[in-house]
Amino acid sequence: MGGVPELTEDGRTGLLVPSGEEILLTGAIDRVLANRALAGQLAEAGRRRVLNEFDVAHLVRDYERQYLELLGRKAIT
């Protein structure tokens, strides 16, 4: 499924379907199309998650933390 599961919480910010499961995918699409409230809830929760967890400042802090952690493990000569 690639990076999609890292971004999507099944049933909260979207609907995850295993790769190659066309019938399950069709069912998930039908479910969202038939329930506009659900579609709106998933979209809003996804938007909030991206803004809170994947904004540029957050990503920069994560990279900085990782670099500092790696530097701490190696002696710099």
Protein backbone atom coordinates (compact mmCIF):
# COMPACT_ATOMS: atom_id res chain seq x y z
CA MET A 1 0.00 0.00 0.00
CA GLY A 2 3.00 2.33 -0.01
CA GLY A 3 2.83 5.47 2.11
CA VAL A 4 -0.96 5.67 2.23
CA PRO A 5 -1.30 3.79 5.56
CA GLU A 6 1.20 6.20 7.10
CA LEU A 7 -1.09 9.10 6.24
CA THR A 8 -4.49 7.48 6.62
CA GLU A 9 -6.10 6.11 9.76
CA ASP A 10 -8.67 3.59 8.57
CA GLY A 11 -12.18 4.69 9.47
CA ARG A 12 -10.97 7.98 10.94
CA THR A 13 -9.24 9.93 8.17
CA GLY A 14 -10.12 7.67 5.28
CA LEU A 15 -10.92 4.12 4.32
CA LEU A 16 -8.06 1.71 3.65
CA VAL A 17 -8.49 -1.21 1.30
CA PRO A 18 -5.86 -3.89 0.64
CA SER A 19 -4.18 -3.70 -2.74
CA GLY A 20 -5.88 -5.78 -5.41
CA GLU A 21 -9.22 -6.00 -3.58
CA GLU A 22 -11.45 -4.41 -6.21
CA ILE A 23 -14.71 -5.47 -4.54
CA LEU A 24 -13.64 -3.97 -1.21
CA LEU A 25 -12.54 -0.79 -2.99
CA THR A 26 -15.90 -0.55 -4.74
CA GLY A 27 -17.64 -1.00 -1.40
CA ALA A 28 -15.55 1.74 0.24
CA ILE A 29 -16.25 4.14 -2.63
CA ASP A 30 -19.98 3.35 -2.51
CA ARG A 31 -19.99 3.87 1.26
CA VAL A 32 -18.48 7.35 0.98
CA LEU A 33 -20.66 8.35 -1.97
CA ALA A 34 -23.81 7.21 -0.14
CA ASN A 35 -22.92 8.96 3.11
CA ARG A 36 -22.02 12.61 2.58
CA ALA A 37 -21.67 13.15 6.34
CA LEU A 38 -19.08 10.36 6.54
CA ALA A 39 -17.23 11.81 3.55
CA GLY A 40 -17.11 15.20 5.27
CA GLN A 41 -15.97 13.72 8.58
CA LEU A 42 -13.17 11.74 6.94
CA ALA A 43 -12.05 14.75 4.91
CA GLU A 44 -12.04 17.10 7.91
CA ALA A 45 -10.21 14.61 10.14
CA GLY A 46 -7.65 14.05 7.37
CA ARG A 47 -7.14 17.77 6.89
CA ARG A 48 -6.62 18.30 10.63
CA ARG A 49 -4.16 15.39 10.82
CA VAL A 50 -2.09 16.70 7.92
CA LEU A 51 -2.01 20.22 9.36
CA ASN A 52 -1.05 18.96 12.82
CA GLU A 53 1.39 16.19 11.97
CA PHE A 54 2.76 16.83 8.50
CA ASP A 55 3.22 20.57 8.30
CA VAL A 56 6.65 21.89 7.27
CA ALA A 57 7.66 22.99 10.78
CA HIS A 58 6.83 19.55 12.19
CA LEU A 59 8.77 17.79 9.44
CA VAL A 60 11.79 20.05 9.94
CA ARG A 61 11.77 19.32 13.70
CA ASP A 62 11.61 15.58 12.98
CA TYR A 63 14.53 15.75 10.55
CA GLU A 64 16.52 17.88 12.98
CA ARG A 65 15.88 15.40 15.80
CA GLN A 66 16.95 12.50 13.60
CA TYR A 67 20.15 14.24 12.47
CA LEU A 68 21.07 15.19 16.03
CA GLU A 69 20.39 11.65 17.17
CA LEU A 70 22.64 10.25 14.44
CA LEU A 71 25.38 12.78 15.21
CA GLY A 72 25.22 11.79 18.88
CA ARG A 73 25.87 8.16 17.95
CA LYS A 74 28.99 8.87 15.90
CA ALA A 75 32.16 10.53 17.02
CA ILE A 76 32.91 13.44 14.75
CA THR A 77 36.62 13.85 14.06
